[in-house]
Amino acid sequence: MTITHADIGGDENTARRVLVLARSIAPCIDAFPDDSEQKLDAIAVLSAVVAELPAPGDRRTKSLSRNGTSITFADIESAFDSDARASLRALCDAQGASVPSGSLPAGSFPTERAFERVWPEGGYS
């Protein structure tokens, strides 16, 4: 069963937005079995992210402008610090559901190409 906004608490709309962003960071979070340690860990990380977000209103204000009459709010993504991102990705890596970032590409890449006579550099290492 997937992780829902009720699992992570907080305002429903904010929790839903956090879940959408979390799925883009670690797509495997919906594949954890119910009552598994990975699912409970993901809920703990996401609950902490929601807790870090300030309540709607003045505290979410990132910048103001007087003459231009504009206001900028902090985005949901700012609540995901590097620790939360790394934790969610580590849960996926432990499950084997995703390729770690920065790893070598997986697949079959042919070495002979049609343009190899134009640029005879040789194979890549």
PDB file of N, CA and C in Angstrom:
ATOM      1  N   MET A   1       0.846  -1.177   0.000  1.00  0.00           N
ATOM      2  CA  MET A   1       0.000   0.000   0.000  1.00  0.00           C
ATOM      3  C   MET A   1       0.889   1.236   0.000  1.00  0.00           C
ATOM      4  N   THR A   2       0.451   2.257  -0.662  1.00  0.00           N
ATOM      5  CA  THR A   2       1.258   3.466  -0.793  1.00  0.00           C
ATOM      6  C   THR A   2       1.206   4.308   0.476  1.00  0.00           C
ATOM      7  N   ILE A   3       2.183   5.183   0.595  1.00  0.00           N
ATOM      8  CA  ILE A   3       2.218   6.134   1.698  1.00  0.00           C
ATOM      9  C   ILE A   3       1.254   7.263   1.355  1.00  0.00           C
ATOM     10  N   THR A   4       0.398   7.620   2.288  1.00  0.00           N
ATOM     11  CA  THR A   4      -0.598   8.660   2.048  1.00  0.00           C
ATOM     12  C   THR A   4      -0.308   9.882   2.904  1.00  0.00           C
ATOM     13  N   HIS A   5      -1.045  10.947   2.637  1.00  0.00           N
ATOM     14  CA  HIS A   5      -0.881  12.175   3.412  1.00  0.00           C
ATOM     15  C   HIS A   5      -1.237  11.954   4.874  1.00  0.00           C
ATOM     16  N   ALA A   6      -2.155  11.027   5.155  1.00  0.00           N
ATOM     17  CA  ALA A   6      -2.535  10.740   6.540  1.00  0.00           C
ATOM     18  C   ALA A   6      -1.387  10.086   7.306  1.00  0.00           C
ATOM     19  N   ASP A   7      -0.518   9.366   6.602  1.00  0.00           N
ATOM     20  CA  ASP A   7       0.617   8.713   7.258  1.00  0.00           C
ATOM     21  C   ASP A   7       1.651   9.708   7.759  1.00  0.00           C
ATOM     22  N   ILE A   8       1.846  10.792   7.017  1.00  0.00           N
ATOM     23  CA  ILE A   8       2.928  11.712   7.392  1.00  0.00           C
ATOM     24  C   ILE A   8       2.450  12.914   8.186  1.00  0.00           C
ATOM     25  N   GLY A   9       1.146  13.114   8.278  1.00  0.00           N
ATOM     26  CA  GLY A   9       0.605  14.165   9.133  1.00  0.00           C
ATOM     27  C   GLY A   9       0.704  15.545   8.522  1.00  0.00           C
ATOM     28  N   GLY A  10       0.354  16.538   9.327  1.00  0.00           N
ATOM     29  CA  GLY A  10       0.397  17.914   8.867  1.00  0.00           C
ATOM     30  C   GLY A  10      -0.828  18.276   8.050  1.00  0.00           C
ATOM     31  N   ASP A  11      -0.791  19.451   7.473  1.00  0.00           N
ATOM     32  CA  ASP A  11      -1.853  19.930   6.598  1.00  0.00           C
ATOM     33  C   ASP A  11      -1.963  18.998   5.390  1.00  0.00           C
ATOM     34  N   GLU A  12      -3.176  18.647   5.009  1.00  0.00           N
ATOM     35  CA  GLU A  12      -3.370  17.675   3.932  1.00  0.00           C
ATOM     36  C   GLU A  12      -2.740  18.130   2.622  1.00  0.00           C
ATOM     37  N   ASN A  13      -2.960  19.370   2.235  1.00  0.00           N
ATOM     38  CA  ASN A  13      -2.410  19.855   0.970  1.00  0.00           C
ATOM     39  C   ASN A  13      -0.890  19.886   0.998  1.00  0.00           C
ATOM     40  N   THR A  14      -0.322  20.326   2.104  1.00  0.00           N
ATOM     41  CA  THR A  14       1.137  20.355   2.224  1.00  0.00           C
ATOM     42  C   THR A  14       1.702  18.944   2.192  1.00  0.00           C
ATOM     43  N   ALA A  15       1.059  18.025   2.907  1.00  0.00           N
ATOM     44  CA  ALA A  15       1.527  16.636   2.931  1.00  0.00           C
ATOM     45  C   ALA A  15       1.457  16.014   1.537  1.00  0.00           C
ATOM     46  N   ARG A  16       0.409  16.323   0.788  1.00  0.00           N
ATOM     47  CA  ARG A  16       0.305  15.793  -0.574  1.00  0.00           C
ATOM     48  C   ARG A  16       1.420  16.344  -1.464  1.00  0.00           C
ATOM     49  N   ARG A  17       1.722  17.618  -1.316  1.00  0.00           N
ATOM     50  CA  ARG A  17       2.796  18.218  -2.118  1.00  0.00           C
ATOM     51  C   ARG A  17       4.150  17.617  -1.746  1.00  0.00           C
ATOM     52  N   VAL A  18       4.361  17.354  -0.465  1.00  0.00           N
ATOM     53  CA  VAL A  18       5.605  16.712  -0.029  1.00  0.00           C
ATOM     54  C   VAL A  18       5.705  15.315  -0.628  1.00  0.00           C
ATOM     55  N   LEU A  19       4.609  14.573  -0.646  1.00  0.00           N
ATOM     56  CA  LEU A  19       4.619  13.227  -1.228  1.00  0.00           C
ATOM     57  C   LEU A  19       4.924  13.246  -2.719  1.00  0.00           C
ATOM     58  N   VAL A  20       4.354  14.199  -3.431  1.00  0.00           N
ATOM     59  CA  VAL A  20       4.618  14.295  -4.872  1.00  0.00           C
ATOM     60  C   VAL A  20       6.097  14.550  -5.114  1.00  0.00           C
ATOM     61  N   LEU A  21       6.672  15.458  -4.360  1.00  0.00           N
ATOM     62  CA  LEU A  21       8.092  15.756  -4.525  1.00  0.00           C
ATOM     63  C   LEU A  21       8.957  14.582  -4.077  1.00  0.00           C
ATOM     64  N   ALA A  22       8.547  13.902  -3.012  1.00  0.00           N
ATOM     65  CA  ALA A  22       9.306  12.739  -2.536  1.00  0.00           C
ATOM     66  C   ALA A  22       9.320  11.632  -3.583  1.00  0.00           C
ATOM     67  N   ARG A  23       8.227  11.478  -4.310  1.00  0.00           N
ATOM     68  CA  ARG A  23       8.186  10.455  -5.366  1.00  0.00           C
ATOM     69  C   ARG A  23       9.118  10.792  -6.521  1.00  0.00           C
ATOM     70  N   SER A  24       9.376  12.073  -6.741  1.00  0.00           N
ATOM     71  CA  SER A  24      10.338  12.428  -7.789  1.00  0.00           C
ATOM     72  C   SER A  24      11.768  12.204  -7.314  1.00  0.00           C
ATOM     73  N   ILE A  25      12.001  12.290  -6.012  1.00  0.00           N
ATOM     74  CA  ILE A  25      13.339  12.049  -5.457  1.00  0.00           C
ATOM     75  C   ILE A  25      13.602  10.549  -5.365  1.00  0.00           C
ATOM     76  N   ALA A  26      12.630   9.810  -4.853  1.00  0.00           N
ATOM     77  CA  ALA A  26      12.775   8.364  -4.654  1.00  0.00           C
ATOM     78  C   ALA A  26      11.490   7.675  -5.115  1.00  0.00           C
ATOM     79  N   PRO A  27      11.418   7.305  -6.393  1.00  0.00           N
ATOM     80  CA  PRO A  27      10.180   6.721  -6.932  1.00  0.00           C
ATOM     81  C   PRO A  27       9.757   5.411  -6.285  1.00  0.00           C
ATOM     82  N   CYS A  28      10.647   4.765  -5.568  1.00  0.00           N
ATOM     83  CA  CYS A  28      10.325   3.451  -5.011  1.00  0.00           C
ATOM     84  C   CYS A  28       9.523   3.521  -3.721  1.00  0.00           C
ATOM     85  N   ILE A  29       9.264   4.709  -3.178  1.00  0.00           N
ATOM     86  CA  ILE A  29       8.626   4.764  -1.855  1.00  0.00           C
ATOM     87  C   ILE A  29       7.221   4.168  -1.845  1.00  0.00           C
ATOM     88  N   ASP A  30       6.587   4.075  -2.990  1.00  0.00           N
ATOM     89  CA  ASP A  30       5.261   3.459  -3.033  1.00  0.00           C
ATOM     90  C   ASP A  30       5.323   1.945  -3.188  1.00  0.00           C
ATOM     91  N   ALA A  31       6.505   1.399  -3.354  1.00  0.00           N
ATOM     92  CA  ALA A  31       6.644  -0.041  -3.562  1.00  0.00           C
ATOM     93  C   ALA A  31       6.981  -0.798  -2.280  1.00  0.00           C
ATOM     94  N   PHE A  32       7.117  -0.094  -1.162  1.00  0.00           N
ATOM     95  CA  PHE A  32       7.455  -0.772   0.089  1.00  0.00           C
ATOM     96  C   PHE A  32       6.258  -1.569   0.599  1.00  0.00           C
ATOM     97  N   PRO A  33       6.495  -2.792   1.066  1.00  0.00           N
ATOM     98  CA  PRO A  33       5.391  -3.578   1.636  1.00  0.00           C
ATOM     99  C   PRO A  33       4.848  -2.916   2.910  1.00  0.00           C
ATOM    100  N   ASP A  34       3.576  -3.175   3.198  1.00  0.00           N
ATOM    101  CA  ASP A  34       2.983  -2.638   4.425  1.00  0.00           C
ATOM    102  C   ASP A  34       3.739  -3.148   5.650  1.00  0.00           C
ATOM    103  N   ASP A  35       3.870  -2.305   6.630  1.00  0.00           N
ATOM    104  CA  ASP A  35       4.529  -2.612   7.906  1.00  0.00           C
ATOM    105  C   ASP A  35       5.990  -3.032   7.743  1.00  0.00           C
ATOM    106  N   SER A  36       6.599  -2.706   6.610  1.00  0.00           N
ATOM    107  CA  SER A  36       8.024  -3.000   6.448  1.00  0.00           C
ATOM    108  C   SER A  36       8.843  -1.882   7.089  1.00  0.00           C
ATOM    109  N   GLU A  37      10.061  -2.188   7.416  1.00  0.00           N
ATOM    110  CA  GLU A  37      10.946  -1.187   8.022  1.00  0.00           C
ATOM    111  C   GLU A  37      11.218  -0.038   7.059  1.00  0.00           C
ATOM    112  N   GLN A  38      11.359  -0.343   5.762  1.00  0.00           N
ATOM    113  CA  GLN A  38      11.606   0.717   4.784  1.00  0.00           C
ATOM    114  C   GLN A  38      10.443   1.701   4.726  1.00  0.00           C
ATOM    115  N   LYS A  39       9.221   1.193   4.765  1.00  0.00           N
ATOM    116  CA  LYS A  39       8.057   2.076   4.717  1.00  0.00           C
ATOM    117  C   LYS A  39       7.992   2.934   5.973  1.00  0.00           C
ATOM    118  N   LEU A  40       8.245   2.336   7.128  1.00  0.00           N
ATOM    119  CA  LEU A  40       8.233   3.103   8.376  1.00  0.00           C
ATOM    120  C   LEU A  40       9.342   4.147   8.390  1.00  0.00           C
ATOM    121  N   ASP A  41      10.511   3.788   7.843  1.00  0.00           N
ATOM    122  CA  ASP A  41      11.609   4.758   7.754  1.00  0.00           C
ATOM    123  C   ASP A  41      11.258   5.906   6.816  1.00  0.00           C
ATOM    124  N   ALA A  42      10.643   5.589   5.681  1.00  0.00           N
ATOM    125  CA  ALA A  42      10.246   6.637   4.735  1.00  0.00           C
ATOM    126  C   ALA A  42       9.208   7.561   5.359  1.00  0.00           C
ATOM    127  N   ILE A  43       8.265   7.004   6.099  1.00  0.00           N
ATOM    128  CA  ILE A  43       7.263   7.825   6.782  1.00  0.00           C
ATOM    129  C   ILE A  43       7.932   8.731   7.806  1.00  0.00           C
ATOM    130  N   ALA A  44       8.936   8.211   8.516  1.00  0.00           N
ATOM    131  CA  ALA A  44       9.648   9.029   9.502  1.00  0.00           C
ATOM    132  C   ALA A  44      10.376  10.188   8.832  1.00  0.00           C
ATOM    133  N   VAL A  45      11.025   9.927   7.700  1.00  0.00           N
ATOM    134  CA  VAL A  45      11.738  10.988   6.977  1.00  0.00           C
ATOM    135  C   VAL A  45      10.750  12.030   6.468  1.00  0.00           C
ATOM    136  N   LEU A  46       9.653  11.579   5.874  1.00  0.00           N
ATOM    137  CA  LEU A  46       8.668  12.515   5.324  1.00  0.00           C
ATOM    138  C   LEU A  46       7.944  13.291   6.419  1.00  0.00           C
ATOM    139  N   SER A  47       7.712  12.664   7.559  1.00  0.00           N
ATOM    140  CA  SER A  47       7.106  13.387   8.683  1.00  0.00           C
ATOM    141  C   SER A  47       8.025  14.491   9.175  1.00  0.00           C
ATOM    142  N   ALA A  48       9.323  14.216   9.190  1.00  0.00           N
ATOM    143  CA  ALA A  48      10.287  15.242   9.598  1.00  0.00           C
ATOM    144  C   ALA A  48      10.328  16.386   8.593  1.00  0.00           C
ATOM    145  N   VAL A  49      10.193  16.067   7.313  1.00  0.00           N
ATOM    146  CA  VAL A  49      10.172  17.113   6.283  1.00  0.00           C
ATOM    147  C   VAL A  49       8.949  18.005   6.470  1.00  0.00           C
ATOM    148  N   VAL A  50       7.791  17.397   6.703  1.00  0.00           N
ATOM    149  CA  VAL A  50       6.572  18.177   6.919  1.00  0.00           C
ATOM    150  C   VAL A  50       6.704  19.030   8.176  1.00  0.00           C
ATOM    151  N   ALA A  51       7.322  18.483   9.216  1.00  0.00           N
ATOM    152  CA  ALA A  51       7.489  19.234  10.464  1.00  0.00           C
ATOM    153  C   ALA A  51       8.407  20.439  10.280  1.00  0.00           C
ATOM    154  N   GLU A  52       9.348  20.351   9.335  1.00  0.00           N
ATOM    155  CA  GLU A  52      10.265  21.467   9.084  1.00  0.00           C
ATOM    156  C   GLU A  52       9.604  22.618   8.349  1.00  0.00           C
ATOM    157  N   LEU A  53       8.512  22.339   7.675  1.00  0.00           N
ATOM    158  CA  LEU A  53       7.833  23.400   6.926  1.00  0.00           C
ATOM    159  C   LEU A  53       7.087  24.319   7.884  1.00  0.00           C
ATOM    160  N   PRO A  54       7.233  25.607   7.719  1.00  0.00           N
ATOM    161  CA  PRO A  54       6.472  26.528   8.564  1.00  0.00           C
ATOM    162  C   PRO A  54       5.002  26.541   8.154  1.00  0.00           C
ATOM    163  N   ALA A  55       4.182  27.013   9.044  1.00  0.00           N
ATOM    164  CA  ALA A  55       2.753  27.121   8.751  1.00  0.00           C
ATOM    165  C   ALA A  55       2.536  28.151   7.651  1.00  0.00           C
ATOM    166  N   PRO A  56       1.462  28.012   6.888  1.00  0.00           N
ATOM    167  CA  PRO A  56       1.189  29.012   5.848  1.00  0.00           C
ATOM    168  C   PRO A  56       1.050  30.403   6.461  1.00  0.00           C
ATOM    169  N   GLY A  57       1.502  31.360   5.738  1.00  0.00           N
ATOM    170  CA  GLY A  57       1.422  32.731   6.225  1.00  0.00           C
ATOM    171  C   GLY A  57       2.770  33.419   6.184  1.00  0.00           C
ATOM    172  N   ASP A  58       3.005  34.290   7.136  1.00  0.00           N
ATOM    173  CA  ASP A  58       4.211  35.114   7.138  1.00  0.00           C
ATOM    174  C   ASP A  58       5.503  34.308   7.210  1.00  0.00           C
ATOM    175  N   ARG A  59       5.492  33.189   7.933  1.00  0.00           N
ATOM    176  CA  ARG A  59       6.742  32.441   8.095  1.00  0.00           C
ATOM    177  C   ARG A  59       7.174  31.741   6.813  1.00  0.00           C
ATOM    178  N   ARG A  60       6.268  31.551   5.884  1.00  0.00           N
ATOM    179  CA  ARG A  60       6.644  30.968   4.598  1.00  0.00           C
ATOM    180  C   ARG A  60       7.099  32.020   3.605  1.00  0.00           C
ATOM    181  N   THR A  61       7.062  33.261   4.007  1.00  0.00           N
ATOM    182  CA  THR A  61       7.457  34.336   3.112  1.00  0.00           C
ATOM    183  C   THR A  61       8.967  34.322   2.939  1.00  0.00           C
ATOM    184  N   LYS A  62       9.387  34.250   1.703  1.00  0.00           N
ATOM    185  CA  LYS A  62      10.810  34.217   1.389  1.00  0.00           C
ATOM    186  C   LYS A  62      11.327  35.623   1.118  1.00  0.00           C
ATOM    187  N   SER A  63      10.566  36.416   0.390  1.00  0.00           N
ATOM    188  CA  SER A  63      10.985  37.789   0.113  1.00  0.00           C
ATOM    189  C   SER A  63       9.764  38.666  -0.139  1.00  0.00           C
ATOM    190  N   LEU A  64       9.943  39.933   0.136  1.00  0.00           N
ATOM    191  CA  LEU A  64       8.903  40.934  -0.090  1.00  0.00           C
ATOM    192  C   LEU A  64       9.478  42.055  -0.930  1.00  0.00           C
ATOM    193  N   SER A  65       8.618  42.776  -1.599  1.00  0.00           N
ATOM    194  CA  SER A  65       9.033  43.954  -2.354  1.00  0.00           C
ATOM    195  C   SER A  65       8.009  45.043  -2.114  1.00  0.00           C
ATOM    196  N   ARG A  66       8.482  46.222  -1.850  1.00  0.00           N
ATOM    197  CA  ARG A  66       7.560  47.298  -1.511  1.00  0.00           C
ATOM    198  C   ARG A  66       6.967  47.981  -2.727  1.00  0.00           C
ATOM    199  N   ASN A  67       7.804  48.515  -3.572  1.00  0.00           N
ATOM    200  CA  ASN A  67       7.291  49.281  -4.707  1.00  0.00           C
ATOM    201  C   ASN A  67       6.733  48.387  -5.807  1.00  0.00           C
ATOM    202  N   GLY A  68       7.292  47.217  -5.956  1.00  0.00           N
ATOM    203  CA  GLY A  68       6.799  46.284  -6.970  1.00  0.00           C
ATOM    204  C   GLY A  68       5.609  45.481  -6.488  1.00  0.00           C
ATOM    205  N   THR A  69       5.275  45.605  -5.213  1.00  0.00           N
ATOM    206  CA  THR A  69       4.171  44.905  -4.585  1.00  0.00           C
ATOM    207  C   THR A  69       4.193  43.410  -4.908  1.00  0.00           C
ATOM    208  N   SER A  70       5.296  42.766  -4.627  1.00  0.00           N
ATOM    209  CA  SER A  70       5.380  41.332  -4.873  1.00  0.00           C
ATOM    210  C   SER A  70       5.780  40.622  -3.589  1.00  0.00           C
ATOM    211  N   ILE A  71       5.455  39.366  -3.526  1.00  0.00           N
ATOM    212  CA  ILE A  71       5.808  38.531  -2.390  1.00  0.00           C
ATOM    213  C   ILE A  71       6.202  37.164  -2.940  1.00  0.00           C
ATOM    214  N   THR A  72       7.239  36.581  -2.388  1.00  0.00           N
ATOM    215  CA  THR A  72       7.708  35.273  -2.813  1.00  0.00           C
ATOM    216  C   THR A  72       7.664  34.338  -1.616  1.00  0.00           C
ATOM    217  N   PHE A  73       7.082  33.173  -1.814  1.00  0.00           N
ATOM    218  CA  PHE A  73       6.990  32.195  -0.743  1.00  0.00           C
ATOM    219  C   PHE A  73       8.055  31.123  -0.926  1.00  0.00           C
ATOM    220  N   ALA A  74       8.513  30.572   0.189  1.00  0.00           N
ATOM    221  CA  ALA A  74       9.465  29.466   0.141  1.00  0.00           C
ATOM    222  C   ALA A  74       8.762  28.250  -0.464  1.00  0.00           C
ATOM    223  N   ASP A  75       9.471  27.521  -1.292  1.00  0.00           N
ATOM    224  CA  ASP A  75       8.863  26.370  -1.935  1.00  0.00           C
ATOM    225  C   ASP A  75       8.984  25.129  -1.058  1.00  0.00           C
ATOM    226  N   ILE A  76       8.185  24.136  -1.380  1.00  0.00           N
ATOM    227  CA  ILE A  76       8.172  22.887  -0.621  1.00  0.00           C
ATOM    228  C   ILE A  76       9.522  22.193  -0.717  1.00  0.00           C
ATOM    229  N   GLU A  77      10.172  22.327  -1.856  1.00  0.00           N
ATOM    230  CA  GLU A  77      11.450  21.651  -2.075  1.00  0.00           C
ATOM    231  C   GLU A  77      12.511  22.090  -1.073  1.00  0.00           C
ATOM    232  N   SER A  78      12.406  23.302  -0.558  1.00  0.00           N
ATOM    233  CA  SER A  78      13.405  23.791   0.390  1.00  0.00           C
ATOM    234  C   SER A  78      13.383  23.016   1.703  1.00  0.00           C
ATOM    235  N   ALA A  79      12.295  22.322   2.004  1.00  0.00           N
ATOM    236  CA  ALA A  79      12.223  21.523   3.229  1.00  0.00           C
ATOM    237  C   ALA A  79      13.012  20.224   3.104  1.00  0.00           C
ATOM    238  N   PHE A  80      13.263  19.781   1.876  1.00  0.00           N
ATOM    239  CA  PHE A  80      14.045  18.564   1.652  1.00  0.00           C
ATOM    240  C   PHE A  80      15.523  18.933   1.664  1.00  0.00           C
ATOM    241  N   ASP A  81      16.161  18.798   2.804  1.00  0.00           N
ATOM    242  CA  ASP A  81      17.595  19.066   2.854  1.00  0.00           C
ATOM    243  C   ASP A  81      18.336  17.862   2.275  1.00  0.00           C
ATOM    244  N   SER A  82      19.646  17.974   2.200  1.00  0.00           N
ATOM    245  CA  SER A  82      20.434  16.894   1.592  1.00  0.00           C
ATOM    246  C   SER A  82      20.314  15.597   2.386  1.00  0.00           C
ATOM    247  N   ASP A  83      20.123  15.700   3.694  1.00  0.00           N
ATOM    248  CA  ASP A  83      19.980  14.509   4.524  1.00  0.00           C
ATOM    249  C   ASP A  83      18.686  13.759   4.197  1.00  0.00           C
ATOM    250  N   ALA A  84      17.591  14.488   4.050  1.00  0.00           N
ATOM    251  CA  ALA A  84      16.315  13.843   3.726  1.00  0.00           C
ATOM    252  C   ALA A  84      16.367  13.209   2.339  1.00  0.00           C
ATOM    253  N   ARG A  85      16.965  13.912   1.384  1.00  0.00           N
ATOM    254  CA  ARG A  85      17.091  13.359   0.033  1.00  0.00           C
ATOM    255  C   ARG A  85      17.943  12.090   0.035  1.00  0.00           C
ATOM    256  N   ALA A  86      19.075  12.151   0.728  1.00  0.00           N
ATOM    257  CA  ALA A  86      19.967  10.989   0.786  1.00  0.00           C
ATOM    258  C   ALA A  86      19.294   9.821   1.497  1.00  0.00           C
ATOM    259  N   SER A  87      18.522  10.108   2.531  1.00  0.00           N
ATOM    260  CA  SER A  87      17.836   9.040   3.265  1.00  0.00           C
ATOM    261  C   SER A  87      16.809   8.336   2.391  1.00  0.00           C
ATOM    262  N   LEU A  88      16.026   9.102   1.650  1.00  0.00           N
ATOM    263  CA  LEU A  88      15.026   8.486   0.774  1.00  0.00           C
ATOM    264  C   LEU A  88      15.682   7.677  -0.337  1.00  0.00           C
ATOM    265  N   ARG A  89      16.752   8.218  -0.907  1.00  0.00           N
ATOM    266  CA  ARG A  89      17.454   7.476  -1.967  1.00  0.00           C
ATOM    267  C   ARG A  89      18.098   6.211  -1.418  1.00  0.00           C
ATOM    268  N   ALA A  90      18.605   6.276  -0.184  1.00  0.00           N
ATOM    269  CA  ALA A  90      19.227   5.100   0.420  1.00  0.00           C
ATOM    270  C   ALA A  90      18.200   3.994   0.642  1.00  0.00           C
ATOM    271  N   LEU A  91      16.979   4.370   0.989  1.00  0.00           N
ATOM    272  CA  LEU A  91      15.932   3.363   1.146  1.00  0.00           C
ATOM    273  C   LEU A  91      15.653   2.657  -0.175  1.00  0.00           C
ATOM    274  N   CYS A  92      15.654   3.395  -1.261  1.00  0.00           N
ATOM    275  CA  CYS A  92      15.447   2.787  -2.580  1.00  0.00           C
ATOM    276  C   CYS A  92      16.638   1.922  -2.971  1.00  0.00           C
ATOM    277  N   ASP A  93      17.840   2.404  -2.669  1.00  0.00           N
ATOM    278  CA  ASP A  93      19.035   1.636  -3.009  1.00  0.00           C
ATOM    279  C   ASP A  93      19.088   0.331  -2.226  1.00  0.00           C
ATOM    280  N   ALA A  94      18.647   0.362  -0.967  1.00  0.00           N
ATOM    281  CA  ALA A  94      18.643  -0.849  -0.150  1.00  0.00           C
ATOM    282  C   ALA A  94      17.651  -1.869  -0.696  1.00  0.00           C
ATOM    283  N   GLN A  95      16.580  -1.371  -1.284  1.00  0.00           N
ATOM    284  CA  GLN A  95      15.579  -2.254  -1.871  1.00  0.00           C
ATOM    285  C   GLN A  95      16.010  -2.733  -3.253  1.00  0.00           C
ATOM    286  N   GLY A  96      16.975  -2.024  -3.855  1.00  0.00           N
ATOM    287  CA  GLY A  96      17.424  -2.378  -5.195  1.00  0.00           C
ATOM    288  C   GLY A  96      16.497  -1.874  -6.271  1.00  0.00           C
ATOM    289  N   ALA A  97      15.723  -0.839  -5.950  1.00  0.00           N
ATOM    290  CA  ALA A  97      14.728  -0.355  -6.901  1.00  0.00           C
ATOM    291  C   ALA A  97      15.239   0.742  -7.804  1.00  0.00           C
ATOM    292  N   SER A  98      16.392   1.294  -7.512  1.00  0.00           N
ATOM    293  CA  SER A  98      16.882   2.381  -8.353  1.00  0.00           C
ATOM    294  C   SER A  98      18.390   2.292  -8.497  1.00  0.00           C
ATOM    295  N   VAL A  99      18.889   2.956  -9.497  1.00  0.00           N
ATOM    296  CA  VAL A  99      20.327   3.023  -9.728  1.00  0.00           C
ATOM    297  C   VAL A  99      20.875   4.190  -8.924  1.00  0.00           C
ATOM    298  N   PRO A 100      21.921   3.990  -8.129  1.00  0.00           N
ATOM    299  CA  PRO A 100      22.468   5.092  -7.354  1.00  0.00           C
ATOM    300  C   PRO A 100      22.934   6.224  -8.251  1.00  0.00           C
ATOM    301  N   SER A 101      22.719   7.446  -7.793  1.00  0.00           N
ATOM    302  CA  SER A 101      23.157   8.589  -8.589  1.00  0.00           C
ATOM    303  C   SER A 101      24.675   8.603  -8.669  1.00  0.00           C
ATOM    304  N   GLY A 102      25.189   8.977  -9.817  1.00  0.00           N
ATOM    305  CA  GLY A 102      26.626   9.020 -10.009  1.00  0.00           C
ATOM    306  C   GLY A 102      27.232   7.687 -10.399  1.00  0.00           C
ATOM    307  N   SER A 103      26.411   6.666 -10.612  1.00  0.00           N
ATOM    308  CA  SER A 103      26.957   5.368 -10.982  1.00  0.00           C
ATOM    309  C   SER A 103      27.112   5.293 -12.497  1.00  0.00           C
ATOM    310  N   LEU A 104      27.796   4.272 -12.945  1.00  0.00           N
ATOM    311  CA  LEU A 104      28.010   4.084 -14.372  1.00  0.00           C
ATOM    312  C   LEU A 104      26.716   3.653 -15.045  1.00  0.00           C
ATOM    313  N   PRO A 105      26.543   3.986 -16.320  1.00  0.00           N
ATOM    314  CA  PRO A 105      25.331   3.572 -17.016  1.00  0.00           C
ATOM    315  C   PRO A 105      25.255   2.059 -17.149  1.00  0.00           C
ATOM    316  N   ALA A 106      24.047   1.557 -17.135  1.00  0.00           N
ATOM    317  CA  ALA A 106      23.832   0.129 -17.290  1.00  0.00           C
ATOM    318  C   ALA A 106      23.243  -0.122 -18.668  1.00  0.00           C
ATOM    319  N   GLY A 107      23.702  -1.166 -19.315  1.00  0.00           N
ATOM    320  CA  GLY A 107      23.158  -1.493 -20.624  1.00  0.00           C
ATOM    321  C   GLY A 107      24.239  -1.894 -21.593  1.00  0.00           C
ATOM    322  N   SER A 108      23.844  -2.125 -22.824  1.00  0.00           N
ATOM    323  CA  SER A 108      24.755  -2.522 -23.880  1.00  0.00           C
ATOM    324  C   SER A 108      24.994  -1.328 -24.792  1.00  0.00           C
ATOM    325  N   PHE A 109      26.238  -0.932 -24.911  1.00  0.00           N
ATOM    326  CA  PHE A 109      26.597   0.209 -25.739  1.00  0.00           C
ATOM    327  C   PHE A 109      27.568  -0.256 -26.815  1.00  0.00           C
ATOM    328  N   PRO A 110      27.149  -0.271 -28.085  1.00  0.00           N
ATOM    329  CA  PRO A 110      28.023  -0.757 -29.154  1.00  0.00           C
ATOM    330  C   PRO A 110      29.236   0.149 -29.331  1.00  0.00           C
ATOM    331  N   THR A 111      30.376  -0.460 -29.596  1.00  0.00           N
ATOM    332  CA  THR A 111      31.601   0.320 -29.788  1.00  0.00           C
ATOM    333  C   THR A 111      31.789   0.715 -31.239  1.00  0.00           C
ATOM    334  N   GLU A 112      31.248  -0.054 -32.175  1.00  0.00           N
ATOM    335  CA  GLU A 112      31.389   0.281 -33.585  1.00  0.00           C
ATOM    336  C   GLU A 112      30.240   1.176 -34.008  1.00  0.00           C
ATOM    337  N   ARG A 113      30.593   2.294 -34.612  1.00  0.00           N
ATOM    338  CA  ARG A 113      29.583   3.255 -35.048  1.00  0.00           C
ATOM    339  C   ARG A 113      29.829   3.608 -36.511  1.00  0.00           C
ATOM    340  N   ALA A 114      28.825   4.169 -37.148  1.00  0.00           N
ATOM    341  CA  ALA A 114      28.928   4.546 -38.556  1.00  0.00           C
ATOM    342  C   ALA A 114      29.911   5.684 -38.767  1.00  0.00           C
ATOM    343  N   PHE A 115      30.103   6.519 -37.795  1.00  0.00           N
ATOM    344  CA  PHE A 115      30.977   7.684 -37.962  1.00  0.00           C
ATOM    345  C   PHE A 115      32.384   7.453 -37.416  1.00  0.00           C
ATOM    346  N   GLU A 116      32.752   6.212 -37.128  1.00  0.00           N
ATOM    347  CA  GLU A 116      34.066   5.975 -36.539  1.00  0.00           C
ATOM    348  C   GLU A 116      35.205   6.278 -37.519  1.00  0.00           C
ATOM    349  N   ARG A 117      34.929   6.261 -38.829  1.00  0.00           N
ATOM    350  CA  ARG A 117      35.973   6.616 -39.788  1.00  0.00           C
ATOM    351  C   ARG A 117      36.184   8.118 -39.843  1.00  0.00           C
ATOM    352  N   VAL A 118      35.180   8.890 -39.470  1.00  0.00           N
ATOM    353  CA  VAL A 118      35.314  10.343 -39.458  1.00  0.00           C
ATOM    354  C   VAL A 118      36.134  10.785 -38.250  1.00  0.00           C
ATOM    355  N   TRP A 119      35.844  10.215 -37.085  1.00  0.00           N
ATOM    356  CA  TRP A 119      36.582  10.528 -35.849  1.00  0.00           C
ATOM    357  C   TRP A 119      37.196   9.244 -35.312  1.00  0.00           C
ATOM    358  N   PRO A 120      38.373   8.879 -35.773  1.00  0.00           N
ATOM    359  CA  PRO A 120      38.985   7.614 -35.345  1.00  0.00           C
ATOM    360  C   PRO A 120      39.675   7.750 -33.987  1.00  0.00           C
ATOM    361  N   GLU A 121      38.909   8.063 -32.946  1.00  0.00           N
ATOM    362  CA  GLU A 121      39.502   8.275 -31.627  1.00  0.00           C
ATOM    363  C   GLU A 121      39.694   6.988 -30.858  1.00  0.00           C
ATOM    364  N   GLY A 122      38.965   5.980 -31.182  1.00  0.00           N
ATOM    365  CA  GLY A 122      39.046   4.749 -30.424  1.00  0.00           C
ATOM    366  C   GLY A 122      37.913   4.657 -29.419  1.00  0.00           C
ATOM    367  N   GLY A 123      37.944   3.589 -28.634  1.00  0.00           N
ATOM    368  CA  GLY A 123      36.884   3.367 -27.653  1.00  0.00           C
ATOM    369  C   GLY A 123      37.035   4.238 -26.426  1.00  0.00           C
ATOM    370  N   TYR A 124      35.953   4.405 -25.732  1.00  0.00           N
ATOM    371  CA  TYR A 124      35.973   5.159 -24.480  1.00  0.00           C
ATOM    372  C   TYR A 124      36.372   4.244 -23.344  1.00  0.00           C
ATOM    373  N   SER A 125      37.033   4.815 -22.381  1.00  0.00           N
ATOM    374  CA  SER A 125      37.426   3.985 -21.238  1.00  0.00           C
ATOM    375  C   SER A 125      36.718   4.425 -19.994  1.00  0.00           C
TER     376      SER A 125
END
